[in-house]
Protein backbone atom coordinates (compact mmCIF):
# COMPACT_ATOMS: atom_id res chain seq x y z
CA MET A 1 -144.22 132.15 103.84
CA ALA A 2 -142.40 136.09 104.48
CA SER A 3 -144.95 136.59 101.98
CA GLU A 4 -148.28 135.89 99.78
CA GLU A 5 -149.63 136.95 96.53
CA HIS A 6 -153.71 136.53 95.83
CA MET A 7 -156.23 136.27 92.96
CA LEU A 8 -159.48 136.20 92.63
CA GLU A 9 -162.04 136.22 89.69
CA PHE A 10 -165.26 135.98 89.91
CA ILE A 11 -167.03 134.23 86.53
CA THR A 12 -170.43 134.10 87.05
CA ALA A 13 -172.73 132.47 89.62
CA LYS A 14 -176.59 131.63 90.04
CA LEU A 15 -178.72 131.10 92.75
CA GLU A 16 -182.05 130.43 93.60
CA GLU A 17 -184.20 130.81 96.82
CA GLN A 18 -181.76 129.31 99.43
CA THR A 19 -179.86 127.57 97.41
CA GLY A 20 -176.74 128.44 94.55
CA THR A 21 -173.64 127.88 92.95
CA MET A 22 -170.45 130.12 92.02
CA TRP A 23 -167.93 129.63 89.44
CA VAL A 24 -164.05 131.49 89.93
CA ALA A 25 -161.05 131.24 89.56
CA TYR A 26 -157.79 132.40 91.25
CA TYR A 27 -154.15 131.79 92.29
CA ARG A 28 -152.44 132.51 94.77
CA LYS A 29 -148.15 132.30 95.75
CA GLY A 30 -146.45 132.03 98.31
CA PHE A 31 -142.82 133.74 98.92
CA ASP A 32 -140.01 133.40 101.42
CA SER A 33 -137.59 135.97 102.32
CA ASN A 34 -135.49 135.90 99.17
CA GLY A 35 -138.04 135.89 97.09
CA GLU A 36 -138.57 132.65 96.12
CA ILE A 37 -141.90 130.93 95.40
CA VAL A 38 -142.28 127.94 97.79
CA THR A 39 -146.29 127.19 97.47
CA GLY A 40 -148.63 128.34 95.08
CA SER A 41 -150.73 127.66 92.16
CA ASP A 42 -148.13 128.69 89.82
CA SER A 43 -148.95 132.00 87.81
CA GLU A 44 -152.42 134.02 86.30
CA ARG A 45 -152.48 132.32 83.39
CA ASN A 46 -152.45 128.99 85.49
CA ARG A 47 -155.54 130.04 87.55
CA VAL A 48 -157.27 127.32 89.49
CA LEU A 49 -161.14 126.97 88.14
CA ALA A 50 -163.92 126.54 91.06
CA ARG A 51 -166.96 125.65 91.38
CA TRP A 52 -168.38 126.83 94.76
CA LYS A 53 -171.97 125.14 96.29
CA LEU A 54 -174.18 128.58 98.59
CA GLU A 55 -176.56 128.24 100.92
CA GLN A 56 -178.45 131.20 102.19
CA ILE A 57 -178.04 131.45 106.01
CA ASP A 58 -179.75 133.67 108.04
CA ASN A 59 -180.06 136.35 104.46
CA SER A 60 -176.31 135.59 103.95
CA TRP A 61 -174.70 133.48 101.42
CA ILE A 62 -172.47 131.37 103.01
CA VAL A 63 -170.09 128.51 101.08
CA ILE A 64 -170.64 125.12 101.79
CA ASP A 65 -168.87 122.63 99.48
CA LEU A 66 -166.33 123.23 96.89
CA ASN A 67 -164.56 121.33 93.74
CA GLU A 68 -161.37 122.61 91.67
CA ALA A 69 -161.50 121.88 88.14
CA PRO A 70 -157.90 118.80 88.06
């Protein structure tokens, strides 16, 4: 790939004492040297919806697992 384009959108989060979940939507496109799309999740219209499982470790929220919508 010669270049990439990314977008990440925060949807919502639920944080408890040490654990939580966060929903995001994203897309990613990879382009070759001719500007043709060679890999990715298509476009902003067809974003991937994902649920990230979070855990608080040393006062930082860390993604420990994720699931993407089919």
